[in-house]
Amino acid sequence: MDVREHDGGRGAVASPPNEQVVLLDPAGRAIGAQDKRTVHGADTPLHLGFSCYIFDDRGRLLVTRRALHKRTFGGVWTNSVCGHPAPGEPLRAAVMRRVRRELGLAIGLPRLVLADFSYYASMNSVAENELCPVLVAHALGSTLSPDPDEVADMEWAPWSRFATQVADGERTVSPWCRAQVDALGALGDSPERWPDAPPALLPAAVRW
């Protein structure tokens, strides 16, 4: 089922009050926490994030378009979901929490494929600055109920076509997604055969 056929009428789901993100030193060690609502600005501190790529039974990738009003890269197409582990929260638990809240989707246990990915990107004087492990997950079922505060649109795209379009510049995506697609492509053409990354390569602040 194409995601555009789903019933997305659950309404907005507000972010939890005082949601915290983990601040990092250059070596990836936790040095504190900051309210998610205030962490992004012109001089965003280095902090802990994650990206997840969700595939269905047909090997298609769930691609999402960020809500238009988001402070960073609003309206831009990107990978399935991004987020931030809370202080002390295990990485895979954070991914599953975020997928459920943002997409209303159940997934299997995420697999770590890029442990040491990091990026910096800026748009309209608001920056993203993250150590951002990348995981893949399998969608359990096809029911999606996206949060309109986070997601403006979605589609399922065959991975090979999506990766080729991103590489050739035919498809515009977020800066982190573009860099991640390059790195994932180096792992092989088949997402289900991408090797697990060693958790020992994760930033020191990550709970695995």
N, C-alpha and C. Protein backbone atom coordinates (compact mmCIF):
# COMPACT_ATOMS: atom_id res chain seq x y z
N MET A 1 0.85 -1.20 0.00
CA MET A 1 0.00 0.00 0.00
C MET A 1 0.88 1.23 0.00
N ASP A 2 0.63 2.15 -0.89
CA ASP A 2 1.37 3.40 -0.89
C ASP A 2 0.98 4.19 0.36
N VAL A 3 1.97 4.83 0.98
CA VAL A 3 1.67 5.52 2.24
C VAL A 3 0.71 6.66 2.05
N ARG A 4 0.57 7.16 0.85
CA ARG A 4 -0.37 8.26 0.64
C ARG A 4 -1.82 7.79 0.77
N GLU A 5 -2.04 6.47 0.83
CA GLU A 5 -3.39 5.95 0.97
C GLU A 5 -3.79 5.77 2.43
N HIS A 6 -2.86 5.99 3.36
CA HIS A 6 -3.14 5.69 4.75
C HIS A 6 -4.08 6.73 5.35
N ASP A 7 -4.64 6.39 6.48
CA ASP A 7 -5.43 7.33 7.25
C ASP A 7 -4.51 8.01 8.24
N GLY A 8 -4.18 9.27 8.00
CA GLY A 8 -3.27 10.00 8.86
C GLY A 8 -3.98 10.93 9.81
N GLY A 9 -5.17 10.61 10.22
CA GLY A 9 -5.98 11.55 10.97
C GLY A 9 -5.83 11.51 12.46
N ARG A 10 -4.70 11.07 12.97
CA ARG A 10 -4.56 10.99 14.42
C ARG A 10 -4.33 12.36 15.04
N GLY A 11 -3.98 13.36 14.19
CA GLY A 11 -3.73 14.70 14.72
C GLY A 11 -2.31 14.84 15.23
N ALA A 12 -1.95 16.06 15.56
CA ALA A 12 -0.59 16.35 16.00
C ALA A 12 -0.30 15.72 17.34
N VAL A 13 0.93 15.28 17.49
CA VAL A 13 1.40 14.74 18.75
C VAL A 13 2.53 15.62 19.23
N ALA A 14 2.33 16.35 20.29
CA ALA A 14 3.33 17.30 20.76
C ALA A 14 4.55 16.59 21.30
N SER A 15 5.72 17.24 21.14
CA SER A 15 6.92 16.69 21.74
C SER A 15 6.78 16.70 23.25
N PRO A 16 7.34 15.70 23.93
CA PRO A 16 7.28 15.70 25.38
C PRO A 16 7.89 16.97 25.94
N PRO A 17 7.32 17.53 27.01
CA PRO A 17 7.89 18.74 27.59
C PRO A 17 9.30 18.48 28.10
N ASN A 18 10.16 19.49 27.89
CA ASN A 18 11.54 19.42 28.39
C ASN A 18 12.32 18.23 27.82
N GLU A 19 12.01 17.85 26.58
CA GLU A 19 12.77 16.77 25.94
C GLU A 19 14.22 17.21 25.81
N GLN A 20 15.13 16.35 26.26
CA GLN A 20 16.54 16.69 26.33
C GLN A 20 17.35 15.96 25.27
N VAL A 21 18.38 16.63 24.74
CA VAL A 21 19.35 15.97 23.86
C VAL A 21 20.71 15.97 24.56
N VAL A 22 21.52 14.99 24.20
CA VAL A 22 22.82 14.79 24.85
C VAL A 22 23.88 15.63 24.14
N LEU A 23 24.54 16.52 24.87
CA LEU A 23 25.64 17.32 24.33
C LEU A 23 26.94 16.53 24.42
N LEU A 24 27.82 16.72 23.41
CA LEU A 24 29.02 15.91 23.30
C LEU A 24 30.27 16.78 23.19
N ASP A 25 31.40 16.20 23.62
CA ASP A 25 32.69 16.81 23.30
C ASP A 25 33.17 16.23 21.97
N PRO A 26 34.25 16.73 21.38
CA PRO A 26 34.68 16.22 20.07
C PRO A 26 35.00 14.74 20.04
N ALA A 27 35.28 14.15 21.19
CA ALA A 27 35.57 12.71 21.25
C ALA A 27 34.31 11.87 21.40
N GLY A 28 33.13 12.50 21.45
CA GLY A 28 31.88 11.76 21.57
C GLY A 28 31.47 11.43 22.98
N ARG A 29 32.09 12.07 23.96
CA ARG A 29 31.71 11.86 25.36
C ARG A 29 30.62 12.85 25.76
N ALA A 30 29.69 12.39 26.58
CA ALA A 30 28.61 13.26 27.05
C ALA A 30 29.17 14.32 27.99
N ILE A 31 28.75 15.57 27.75
CA ILE A 31 29.18 16.67 28.62
C ILE A 31 28.01 17.45 29.18
N GLY A 32 26.80 16.93 29.00
CA GLY A 32 25.62 17.62 29.51
C GLY A 32 24.42 17.35 28.65
N ALA A 33 23.37 18.11 28.85
CA ALA A 33 22.14 17.97 28.08
C ALA A 33 21.52 19.35 27.90
N GLN A 34 20.69 19.47 26.87
CA GLN A 34 20.02 20.73 26.60
C GLN A 34 18.63 20.46 26.07
N ASP A 35 17.71 21.37 26.35
CA ASP A 35 16.34 21.25 25.86
C ASP A 35 16.34 21.21 24.33
N LYS A 36 15.65 20.23 23.77
CA LYS A 36 15.59 20.09 22.32
C LYS A 36 15.05 21.34 21.65
N ARG A 37 14.16 22.05 22.32
CA ARG A 37 13.54 23.23 21.72
C ARG A 37 14.53 24.38 21.55
N THR A 38 15.65 24.33 22.26
CA THR A 38 16.60 25.45 22.20
C THR A 38 17.97 25.07 21.66
N VAL A 39 18.20 23.80 21.38
CA VAL A 39 19.56 23.36 21.05
C VAL A 39 20.01 23.82 19.67
N HIS A 40 19.07 23.96 18.71
CA HIS A 40 19.44 24.31 17.35
C HIS A 40 19.42 25.82 17.15
N GLY A 41 20.52 26.34 16.61
CA GLY A 41 20.63 27.75 16.32
C GLY A 41 21.79 27.98 15.38
N ALA A 42 22.28 29.21 15.34
CA ALA A 42 23.40 29.52 14.46
C ALA A 42 24.67 28.81 14.89
N ASP A 43 24.83 28.57 16.19
CA ASP A 43 26.02 27.91 16.73
C ASP A 43 25.61 26.66 17.50
N THR A 44 24.90 25.77 16.85
CA THR A 44 24.41 24.55 17.48
C THR A 44 25.57 23.74 18.05
N PRO A 45 25.52 23.38 19.32
CA PRO A 45 26.60 22.56 19.88
C PRO A 45 26.54 21.13 19.34
N LEU A 46 27.68 20.48 19.34
CA LEU A 46 27.73 19.08 18.95
C LEU A 46 26.86 18.26 19.89
N HIS A 47 25.99 17.43 19.31
CA HIS A 47 25.10 16.63 20.14
C HIS A 47 24.84 15.28 19.47
N LEU A 48 24.16 14.42 20.20
CA LEU A 48 23.94 13.04 19.77
C LEU A 48 22.61 12.91 19.04
N GLY A 49 22.66 12.31 17.87
CA GLY A 49 21.44 12.03 17.11
C GLY A 49 21.47 10.62 16.56
N PHE A 50 20.53 10.32 15.67
CA PHE A 50 20.54 9.06 14.92
C PHE A 50 19.71 9.25 13.66
N SER A 51 19.96 8.42 12.68
CA SER A 51 19.12 8.32 11.49
C SER A 51 18.75 6.86 11.31
N CYS A 52 17.53 6.63 10.83
CA CYS A 52 17.08 5.26 10.58
C CYS A 52 16.49 5.17 9.18
N TYR A 53 16.81 4.07 8.50
CA TYR A 53 16.27 3.76 7.18
C TYR A 53 15.38 2.54 7.32
N ILE A 54 14.09 2.71 7.01
CA ILE A 54 13.09 1.66 7.22
C ILE A 54 12.69 1.06 5.88
N PHE A 55 12.72 -0.27 5.80
CA PHE A 55 12.41 -0.98 4.56
C PHE A 55 11.19 -1.87 4.77
N ASP A 56 10.43 -2.09 3.69
CA ASP A 56 9.27 -2.98 3.76
C ASP A 56 9.63 -4.34 3.18
N ASP A 57 8.63 -5.21 3.08
CA ASP A 57 8.87 -6.58 2.61
C ASP A 57 9.32 -6.63 1.15
N ARG A 58 9.09 -5.57 0.40
CA ARG A 58 9.48 -5.52 -1.00
C ARG A 58 10.83 -4.83 -1.19
N GLY A 59 11.51 -4.52 -0.11
CA GLY A 59 12.80 -3.88 -0.19
C GLY A 59 12.75 -2.41 -0.50
N ARG A 60 11.58 -1.79 -0.32
CA ARG A 60 11.44 -0.36 -0.58
C ARG A 60 11.76 0.44 0.68
N LEU A 61 12.35 1.58 0.48
CA LEU A 61 12.70 2.49 1.56
C LEU A 61 11.57 3.48 1.81
N LEU A 62 11.25 3.70 3.08
CA LEU A 62 10.30 4.75 3.44
C LEU A 62 11.04 6.08 3.47
N VAL A 63 10.68 6.96 2.55
CA VAL A 63 11.27 8.29 2.44
C VAL A 63 10.26 9.30 2.95
N THR A 64 10.71 10.25 3.77
CA THR A 64 9.79 11.21 4.36
C THR A 64 10.20 12.63 3.99
N ARG A 65 9.21 13.50 3.97
CA ARG A 65 9.44 14.94 3.75
C ARG A 65 9.19 15.65 5.07
N ARG A 66 10.17 16.40 5.52
CA ARG A 66 10.07 17.08 6.80
C ARG A 66 8.98 18.15 6.76
N ALA A 67 8.27 18.31 7.88
CA ALA A 67 7.21 19.30 7.96
C ALA A 67 7.74 20.68 7.57
N LEU A 68 6.90 21.46 6.91
CA LEU A 68 7.34 22.73 6.35
C LEU A 68 7.81 23.72 7.41
N HIS A 69 7.24 23.64 8.61
CA HIS A 69 7.55 24.64 9.63
C HIS A 69 8.76 24.26 10.50
N LYS A 70 9.39 23.12 10.25
CA LYS A 70 10.52 22.73 11.09
C LYS A 70 11.66 23.74 10.93
N ARG A 71 12.36 24.02 12.04
CA ARG A 71 13.39 25.05 12.04
C ARG A 71 14.58 24.67 11.18
N THR A 72 14.88 23.39 11.05
CA THR A 72 16.00 22.95 10.23
C THR A 72 15.49 22.12 9.06
N PHE A 73 15.75 22.58 7.87
CA PHE A 73 15.47 21.85 6.64
C PHE A 73 14.00 21.48 6.51
N GLY A 74 13.12 22.42 6.84
CA GLY A 74 11.69 22.21 6.65
C GLY A 74 11.35 22.01 5.18
N GLY A 75 10.47 21.03 4.91
CA GLY A 75 10.03 20.75 3.55
C GLY A 75 11.00 19.93 2.72
N VAL A 76 12.10 19.50 3.30
CA VAL A 76 13.13 18.76 2.56
C VAL A 76 12.88 17.26 2.72
N TRP A 77 13.04 16.51 1.63
CA TRP A 77 12.93 15.06 1.67
C TRP A 77 14.17 14.48 2.33
N THR A 78 13.99 13.38 3.06
CA THR A 78 15.10 12.79 3.79
C THR A 78 14.83 11.31 4.05
N ASN A 79 15.65 10.70 4.88
CA ASN A 79 15.48 9.29 5.21
C ASN A 79 14.23 9.08 6.07
N SER A 80 13.99 7.86 6.49
CA SER A 80 12.71 7.52 7.13
C SER A 80 12.45 8.33 8.39
N VAL A 81 13.44 8.40 9.27
CA VAL A 81 13.24 9.11 10.53
C VAL A 81 14.59 9.48 11.12
N CYS A 82 14.63 10.61 11.81
CA CYS A 82 15.79 11.06 12.56
C CYS A 82 15.33 11.42 13.98
N GLY A 83 16.27 11.44 14.90
CA GLY A 83 15.90 11.81 16.26
C GLY A 83 17.12 11.91 17.15
N HIS A 84 16.85 11.99 18.45
CA HIS A 84 17.90 12.16 19.45
C HIS A 84 17.63 11.21 20.62
N PRO A 85 18.59 10.39 20.99
CA PRO A 85 18.42 9.62 22.23
C PRO A 85 18.37 10.56 23.43
N ALA A 86 17.52 10.26 24.36
CA ALA A 86 17.48 11.02 25.62
C ALA A 86 18.68 10.62 26.47
N PRO A 87 19.07 11.44 27.43
CA PRO A 87 20.18 11.06 28.31
C PRO A 87 19.94 9.69 28.95
N GLY A 88 20.89 8.79 28.77
CA GLY A 88 20.79 7.46 29.35
C GLY A 88 19.93 6.48 28.59
N GLU A 89 19.32 6.89 27.49
CA GLU A 89 18.42 6.01 26.73
C GLU A 89 19.22 5.16 25.74
N PRO A 90 19.03 3.84 25.71
CA PRO A 90 19.71 3.01 24.72
C PRO A 90 19.33 3.43 23.30
N LEU A 91 20.28 3.32 22.39
CA LEU A 91 20.09 3.82 21.03
C LEU A 91 18.92 3.16 20.33
N ARG A 92 18.85 1.82 20.36
CA ARG A 92 17.77 1.14 19.65
C ARG A 92 16.41 1.47 20.24
N ALA A 93 16.34 1.64 21.56
CA ALA A 93 15.09 2.03 22.19
C ALA A 93 14.67 3.42 21.73
N ALA A 94 15.65 4.33 21.57
CA ALA A 94 15.35 5.68 21.10
C ALA A 94 14.80 5.66 19.68
N VAL A 95 15.39 4.82 18.82
CA VAL A 95 14.91 4.72 17.45
C VAL A 95 13.48 4.21 17.42
N MET A 96 13.18 3.16 18.14
CA MET A 96 11.84 2.57 18.12
C MET A 96 10.82 3.54 18.71
N ARG A 97 11.21 4.27 19.74
CA ARG A 97 10.33 5.29 20.33
C ARG A 97 9.99 6.36 19.30
N ARG A 98 11.02 6.84 18.61
CA ARG A 98 10.82 7.93 17.66
C ARG A 98 9.99 7.47 16.47
N VAL A 99 10.23 6.28 15.96
CA VAL A 99 9.47 5.77 14.83
C VAL A 99 7.99 5.65 15.20
N ARG A 100 7.72 5.13 16.39
CA ARG A 100 6.34 4.98 16.83
C ARG A 100 5.65 6.34 16.98
N ARG A 101 6.36 7.32 17.56
CA ARG A 101 5.74 8.62 17.80
C ARG A 101 5.58 9.44 16.53
N GLU A 102 6.59 9.40 15.67
CA GLU A 102 6.59 10.25 14.48
C GLU A 102 5.81 9.64 13.32
N LEU A 103 5.88 8.31 13.17
CA LEU A 103 5.28 7.65 12.02
C LEU A 103 4.11 6.74 12.37
N GLY A 104 3.91 6.45 13.66
CA GLY A 104 2.87 5.52 14.05
C GLY A 104 3.11 4.13 13.50
N LEU A 105 4.37 3.74 13.40
CA LEU A 105 4.75 2.50 12.73
C LEU A 105 5.50 1.59 13.69
N ALA A 106 5.20 0.29 13.62
CA ALA A 106 5.97 -0.70 14.38
C ALA A 106 7.10 -1.21 13.50
N ILE A 107 8.28 -1.39 14.10
CA ILE A 107 9.42 -1.91 13.38
C ILE A 107 10.08 -3.02 14.19
N GLY A 108 10.86 -3.84 13.49
CA GLY A 108 11.67 -4.82 14.18
C GLY A 108 12.86 -4.15 14.85
N LEU A 109 13.66 -4.93 15.55
CA LEU A 109 14.81 -4.38 16.26
C LEU A 109 15.78 -3.77 15.24
N PRO A 110 16.11 -2.49 15.37
CA PRO A 110 17.01 -1.85 14.40
C PRO A 110 18.40 -2.46 14.43
N ARG A 111 19.06 -2.42 13.25
CA ARG A 111 20.43 -2.88 13.09
C ARG A 111 21.35 -1.69 12.86
N LEU A 112 22.49 -1.69 13.51
CA LEU A 112 23.48 -0.63 13.35
C LEU A 112 24.33 -0.91 12.11
N VAL A 113 24.37 0.07 11.17
CA VAL A 113 25.16 -0.13 9.96
C VAL A 113 26.26 0.91 9.79
N LEU A 114 26.09 2.11 10.32
CA LEU A 114 27.13 3.13 10.31
C LEU A 114 27.27 3.65 11.73
N ALA A 115 28.34 3.27 12.40
CA ALA A 115 28.47 3.60 13.83
C ALA A 115 29.05 4.98 14.07
N ASP A 116 29.89 5.46 13.15
CA ASP A 116 30.65 6.68 13.42
C ASP A 116 30.32 7.81 12.45
N PHE A 117 29.13 7.81 11.87
CA PHE A 117 28.73 8.87 10.97
C PHE A 117 28.54 10.18 11.74
N SER A 118 28.99 11.28 11.15
CA SER A 118 28.78 12.61 11.73
C SER A 118 28.56 13.60 10.60
N TYR A 119 27.93 14.72 10.91
CA TYR A 119 27.72 15.73 9.87
C TYR A 119 27.46 17.09 10.50
N TYR A 120 27.68 18.11 9.69
CA TYR A 120 27.32 19.49 10.02
C TYR A 120 26.62 20.05 8.79
N ALA A 121 25.48 20.70 8.98
CA ALA A 121 24.74 21.31 7.88
C ALA A 121 23.98 22.52 8.41
N SER A 122 23.85 23.54 7.57
CA SER A 122 23.19 24.77 8.00
C SER A 122 22.22 25.24 6.92
N MET A 123 21.09 25.77 7.36
CA MET A 123 20.08 26.32 6.46
C MET A 123 19.39 27.47 7.17
N ASN A 124 19.31 28.61 6.50
CA ASN A 124 18.65 29.78 7.08
C ASN A 124 19.21 30.12 8.46
N SER A 125 20.53 30.03 8.60
CA SER A 125 21.24 30.39 9.84
C SER A 125 20.88 29.49 11.02
N VAL A 126 20.36 28.31 10.74
CA VAL A 126 20.12 27.31 11.78
C VAL A 126 20.89 26.06 11.39
N ALA A 127 21.70 25.56 12.33
CA ALA A 127 22.62 24.48 12.01
C ALA A 127 22.22 23.16 12.67
N GLU A 128 22.58 22.08 11.99
CA GLU A 128 22.57 20.74 12.56
C GLU A 128 24.03 20.35 12.76
N ASN A 129 24.34 19.76 13.91
CA ASN A 129 25.73 19.42 14.24
C ASN A 129 25.70 18.18 15.11
N GLU A 130 25.82 17.00 14.48
CA GLU A 130 25.56 15.76 15.20
C GLU A 130 26.61 14.69 14.96
N LEU A 131 26.86 13.90 15.98
CA LEU A 131 27.35 12.54 15.82
C LEU A 131 26.11 11.69 15.70
N CYS A 132 25.98 10.98 14.59
CA CYS A 132 24.68 10.47 14.17
C CYS A 132 24.79 9.03 13.66
N PRO A 133 24.81 8.03 14.54
CA PRO A 133 24.81 6.64 14.08
C PRO A 133 23.62 6.38 13.15
N VAL A 134 23.81 5.49 12.19
CA VAL A 134 22.78 5.16 11.21
C VAL A 134 22.37 3.70 11.39
N LEU A 135 21.06 3.49 11.43
CA LEU A 135 20.51 2.15 11.62
C LEU A 135 19.52 1.84 10.52
N VAL A 136 19.25 0.56 10.31
CA VAL A 136 18.20 0.12 9.39
C VAL A 136 17.22 -0.73 10.18
N ALA A 137 15.97 -0.73 9.71
CA ALA A 137 14.93 -1.50 10.40
C ALA A 137 13.91 -1.99 9.38
N HIS A 138 13.18 -3.01 9.77
CA HIS A 138 12.16 -3.60 8.92
C HIS A 138 10.79 -3.20 9.44
N ALA A 139 9.95 -2.69 8.56
CA ALA A 139 8.59 -2.31 8.93
C ALA A 139 7.75 -3.55 9.22
N LEU A 140 7.04 -3.52 10.33
CA LEU A 140 6.12 -4.60 10.68
C LEU A 140 4.71 -4.15 10.30
N GLY A 141 4.26 -4.56 9.12
CA GLY A 141 2.97 -4.11 8.63
C GLY A 141 3.10 -2.85 7.79
N SER A 142 1.96 -2.34 7.32
CA SER A 142 1.96 -1.19 6.42
C SER A 142 1.17 -0.01 6.96
N THR A 143 0.70 -0.10 8.20
CA THR A 143 -0.10 0.97 8.76
C THR A 143 0.80 2.09 9.26
N LEU A 144 0.58 3.28 8.74
CA LEU A 144 1.33 4.46 9.16
C LEU A 144 0.36 5.54 9.58
N SER A 145 0.73 6.30 10.58
CA SER A 145 -0.06 7.42 11.06
C SER A 145 0.89 8.55 11.42
N PRO A 146 1.36 9.30 10.43
CA PRO A 146 2.41 10.27 10.68
C PRO A 146 1.95 11.47 11.49
N ASP A 147 2.86 12.00 12.26
CA ASP A 147 2.63 13.20 13.03
C ASP A 147 2.82 14.41 12.11
N PRO A 148 1.78 15.20 11.84
CA PRO A 148 1.93 16.33 10.92
C PRO A 148 2.86 17.42 11.43
N ASP A 149 3.17 17.42 12.72
CA ASP A 149 4.17 18.36 13.22
C ASP A 149 5.58 17.98 12.77
N GLU A 150 5.75 16.75 12.31
CA GLU A 150 7.07 16.25 11.91
C GLU A 150 7.17 15.92 10.43
N VAL A 151 6.09 15.39 9.86
CA VAL A 151 6.15 14.81 8.51
C VAL A 151 5.09 15.47 7.62
N ALA A 152 5.55 16.00 6.47
CA ALA A 152 4.63 16.61 5.51
C ALA A 152 4.16 15.62 4.45
N ASP A 153 4.98 14.62 4.13
CA ASP A 153 4.64 13.67 3.08
C ASP A 153 5.54 12.45 3.22
N MET A 154 5.17 11.36 2.58
CA MET A 154 5.94 10.13 2.64
C MET A 154 5.76 9.36 1.35
N GLU A 155 6.70 8.49 1.06
CA GLU A 155 6.53 7.55 -0.05
C GLU A 155 7.47 6.37 0.14
N TRP A 156 7.10 5.25 -0.45
CA TRP A 156 7.98 4.08 -0.50
C TRP A 156 8.73 4.12 -1.81
N ALA A 157 10.04 4.00 -1.78
CA ALA A 157 10.86 4.09 -2.99
C ALA A 157 11.80 2.90 -3.06
N PRO A 158 11.89 2.22 -4.21
CA PRO A 158 12.89 1.16 -4.35
C PRO A 158 14.28 1.70 -4.03
N TRP A 159 15.03 0.99 -3.20
CA TRP A 159 16.32 1.49 -2.75
C TRP A 159 17.26 1.79 -3.91
N SER A 160 17.37 0.89 -4.87
CA SER A 160 18.34 1.10 -5.95
C SER A 160 18.02 2.37 -6.74
N ARG A 161 16.74 2.58 -7.01
CA ARG A 161 16.36 3.79 -7.75
C ARG A 161 16.61 5.04 -6.92
N PHE A 162 16.23 4.99 -5.64
CA PHE A 162 16.43 6.14 -4.76
C PHE A 162 17.91 6.49 -4.66
N ALA A 163 18.76 5.49 -4.42
CA ALA A 163 20.19 5.74 -4.27
C ALA A 163 20.79 6.32 -5.54
N THR A 164 20.36 5.80 -6.69
CA THR A 164 20.87 6.31 -7.96
C THR A 164 20.44 7.75 -8.19
N GLN A 165 19.18 8.06 -7.90
CA GLN A 165 18.69 9.42 -8.09
C GLN A 165 19.41 10.41 -7.18
N VAL A 166 19.69 10.01 -5.94
CA VAL A 166 20.42 10.88 -5.03
C VAL A 166 21.84 11.09 -5.53
N ALA A 167 22.50 10.01 -5.94
CA ALA A 167 23.88 10.10 -6.41
C ALA A 167 24.01 10.95 -7.66
N ASP A 168 23.02 10.87 -8.55
CA ASP A 168 23.06 11.61 -9.81
C ASP A 168 22.54 13.04 -9.68
N GLY A 169 22.07 13.41 -8.49
CA GLY A 169 21.53 14.74 -8.29
C GLY A 169 20.13 14.94 -8.84
N GLU A 170 19.47 13.83 -9.24
CA GLU A 170 18.11 13.92 -9.76
C GLU A 170 17.08 14.10 -8.64
N ARG A 171 17.49 13.74 -7.42
CA ARG A 171 16.58 13.84 -6.28
C ARG A 171 17.27 14.63 -5.18
N THR A 172 16.63 15.71 -4.75
CA THR A 172 17.18 16.55 -3.69
C THR A 172 16.73 16.02 -2.33
N VAL A 173 17.69 15.78 -1.46
CA VAL A 173 17.41 15.29 -0.11
C VAL A 173 18.23 16.11 0.88
N SER A 174 18.01 15.88 2.15
CA SER A 174 18.76 16.59 3.19
C SER A 174 20.26 16.30 3.05
N PRO A 175 21.12 17.22 3.51
CA PRO A 175 22.56 16.99 3.40
C PRO A 175 23.01 15.72 4.09
N TRP A 176 22.44 15.40 5.25
CA TRP A 176 22.86 14.18 5.94
C TRP A 176 22.41 12.94 5.20
N CYS A 177 21.22 12.98 4.62
CA CYS A 177 20.74 11.82 3.85
C CYS A 177 21.63 11.60 2.64
N ARG A 178 22.01 12.65 1.94
CA ARG A 178 22.87 12.51 0.78
C ARG A 178 24.20 11.84 1.15
N ALA A 179 24.80 12.31 2.26
CA ALA A 179 26.07 11.73 2.69
C ALA A 179 25.89 10.29 3.16
N GLN A 180 24.77 10.01 3.83
CA GLN A 180 24.52 8.66 4.30
C GLN A 180 24.29 7.70 3.15
N VAL A 181 23.58 8.14 2.13
CA VAL A 181 23.34 7.28 0.97
C VAL A 181 24.67 6.90 0.32
N ASP A 182 25.60 7.85 0.23
CA ASP A 182 26.94 7.53 -0.29
C ASP A 182 27.61 6.46 0.56
N ALA A 183 27.57 6.64 1.87
CA ALA A 183 28.24 5.69 2.78
C ALA A 183 27.55 4.33 2.75
N LEU A 184 26.23 4.32 2.70
CA LEU A 184 25.50 3.05 2.65
C LEU A 184 25.75 2.32 1.34
N GLY A 185 25.85 3.07 0.25
CA GLY A 185 26.13 2.45 -1.04
C GLY A 185 27.45 1.72 -1.05
N ALA A 186 28.40 2.22 -0.25
CA ALA A 186 29.70 1.55 -0.17
C ALA A 186 29.62 0.21 0.53
N LEU A 187 28.51 -0.03 1.24
CA LEU A 187 28.32 -1.31 1.93
C LEU A 187 27.77 -2.40 1.01
N GLY A 188 27.29 -1.99 -0.16
CA GLY A 188 26.73 -2.97 -1.10
C GLY A 188 25.41 -2.50 -1.66
N ASP A 189 24.94 -3.20 -2.70
CA ASP A 189 23.71 -2.80 -3.38
C ASP A 189 22.45 -3.28 -2.69
N SER A 190 22.58 -4.24 -1.78
CA SER A 190 21.41 -4.87 -1.17
C SER A 190 21.34 -4.54 0.32
N PRO A 191 20.38 -3.71 0.76
CA PRO A 191 20.32 -3.31 2.17
C PRO A 191 20.26 -4.48 3.15
N GLU A 192 19.59 -5.57 2.77
CA GLU A 192 19.49 -6.69 3.72
C GLU A 192 20.83 -7.39 3.92
N ARG A 193 21.78 -7.11 3.05
CA ARG A 193 23.10 -7.72 3.17
C ARG A 193 24.15 -6.76 3.73
N TRP A 194 23.74 -5.55 4.07
CA TRP A 194 24.70 -4.63 4.69
C TRP A 194 25.19 -5.23 6.00
N PRO A 195 26.49 -5.23 6.24
CA PRO A 195 27.00 -5.82 7.48
C PRO A 195 26.69 -4.95 8.69
N ASP A 196 26.55 -5.60 9.81
CA ASP A 196 26.40 -4.87 11.06
C ASP A 196 27.70 -4.14 11.39
N ALA A 197 27.57 -2.90 11.85
CA ALA A 197 28.74 -2.14 12.29
C ALA A 197 29.07 -2.52 13.73
N PRO A 198 30.34 -2.53 14.10
CA PRO A 198 30.71 -2.87 15.48
C PRO A 198 30.23 -1.77 16.45
N PRO A 199 29.44 -2.12 17.46
CA PRO A 199 29.01 -1.11 18.45
C PRO A 199 30.18 -0.41 19.13
N ALA A 200 31.36 -1.03 19.15
CA ALA A 200 32.52 -0.40 19.78
C ALA A 200 32.93 0.88 19.07
N LEU A 201 32.47 1.07 17.83
CA LEU A 201 32.79 2.29 17.08
C LEU A 201 31.83 3.44 17.37
N LEU A 202 30.78 3.18 18.15
CA LEU A 202 29.82 4.23 18.49
C LEU A 202 30.47 5.29 19.38
N PRO A 203 29.94 6.52 19.35
CA PRO A 203 30.41 7.53 20.30
C PRO A 203 30.31 7.03 21.73
N ALA A 204 31.21 7.46 22.57
CA ALA A 204 31.26 6.97 23.95
C ALA A 204 29.96 7.23 24.70
N ALA A 205 29.21 8.28 24.31
CA ALA A 205 28.00 8.63 25.04
C ALA A 205 26.83 7.70 24.75
N VAL A 206 26.94 6.87 23.71
CA VAL A 206 25.81 6.03 23.31
C VAL A 206 25.69 4.82 24.20
N ARG A 207 24.45 4.55 24.67
CA ARG A 207 24.15 3.28 25.33
C ARG A 207 23.63 2.32 24.30
N TRP A 208 24.24 1.15 24.18
CA TRP A 208 23.84 0.16 23.18
C TRP A 208 23.09 -1.00 23.83
